[in-house]
Amino acid sequence: MEETISRMAGSTNGSMKTIADITHMAAAAERPVRQRTTTYEDVDAERAAAAGRFDERARSVLPLAVGMVGT
């Protein structure tokens, strides 16, 4: 999940969160985690697997994206 509108407007808030990041935040708040579509339906297995693969690679590309902020 990534919120970029605020950052494009010059804010330092709004940043990419991986599935692991969101799961950790939910656990800290003692809240359940459930991946949903934009219409709040359950995500099918193929889509969940694709998100998991992205999550595994996200940290390796994140430094590149952070370096581009403000350029």
Protein backbone atom coordinates (compact mmCIF):
# COMPACT_ATOMS: atom_id res chain seq x y z
CA MET A 1 0.00 0.00 0.00
CA GLU A 2 1.35 3.39 -0.85
CA GLU A 3 -0.13 6.83 -0.37
CA THR A 4 1.62 9.35 -2.59
CA ILE A 5 -0.73 12.32 -2.90
CA SER A 6 0.43 13.90 0.36
CA ARG A 7 4.10 13.36 -0.50
CA MET A 8 3.62 14.87 -3.97
CA ALA A 9 2.15 17.91 -2.24
CA GLY A 10 5.31 18.29 -0.16
CA SER A 11 4.34 16.47 3.03
CA THR A 12 6.78 14.15 4.77
CA ASN A 13 3.86 11.87 5.70
CA GLY A 14 2.53 9.12 3.48
CA SER A 15 4.88 6.30 2.66
CA MET A 16 4.93 2.78 1.33
CA LYS A 17 3.92 0.03 3.73
CA THR A 18 4.52 -3.64 2.97
CA ILE A 19 2.12 -6.38 4.01
CA ALA A 20 4.56 -7.22 6.81
CA ASP A 21 4.56 -3.57 7.99
CA ILE A 22 0.77 -3.39 8.06
CA THR A 23 0.49 -6.78 9.78
CA HIS A 24 2.94 -5.61 12.45
CA MET A 25 1.02 -2.36 13.02
CA ALA A 26 -2.28 -4.24 13.29
CA ALA A 27 -0.80 -6.72 15.77
CA ALA A 28 0.56 -3.86 17.88
CA ALA A 29 -2.92 -2.35 17.94
CA GLU A 30 -4.42 -5.79 18.67
CA ARG A 31 -6.48 -5.64 15.48
CA PRO A 32 -7.14 -8.43 12.96
CA VAL A 33 -5.56 -8.36 9.52
CA ARG A 34 -7.55 -9.21 6.42
CA GLN A 35 -6.60 -8.35 2.85
CA ARG A 36 -9.51 -6.92 0.85
CA THR A 37 -10.21 -5.60 -2.63
CA THR A 38 -11.20 -1.99 -3.23
CA THR A 39 -14.83 -3.13 -2.91
CA TYR A 40 -14.09 -4.80 0.46
CA GLU A 41 -14.39 -8.35 -0.88
CA ASP A 42 -11.95 -11.10 0.05
CA VAL A 43 -8.84 -11.27 -2.13
CA ASP A 44 -8.50 -14.45 -4.19
CA ALA A 45 -5.48 -16.73 -3.68
CA GLU A 46 -3.71 -15.63 -6.88
CA ARG A 47 -3.91 -11.94 -5.96
CA ALA A 48 -2.78 -12.62 -2.38
CA ALA A 49 0.21 -14.62 -3.67
CA ALA A 50 1.17 -11.78 -6.05
CA ALA A 51 1.00 -9.29 -3.19
CA GLY A 52 3.19 -11.57 -1.10
CA ARG A 53 5.80 -11.77 -3.88
CA PHE A 54 5.84 -7.98 -4.12
CA ASP A 55 6.20 -7.73 -0.35
CA GLU A 56 9.32 -9.92 -0.51
CA ARG A 57 10.94 -7.61 -3.10
CA ALA A 58 9.66 -4.24 -1.89
CA ARG A 59 12.48 -3.54 0.54
CA SER A 60 15.10 -4.05 -2.15
CA VAL A 61 13.58 -1.34 -4.36
CA LEU A 62 12.46 1.03 -1.60
CA PRO A 63 15.85 2.80 -1.29
CA LEU A 64 15.65 3.65 -4.99
CA ALA A 65 12.21 5.21 -4.60
CA VAL A 66 13.23 7.15 -1.49
CA GLY A 67 16.24 8.56 -3.36
CA MET A 68 13.91 9.88 -6.07
CA VAL A 69 11.75 11.94 -3.68
CA GLY A 70 12.26 15.62 -4.35
CA THR A 71 13.98 15.12 -7.71
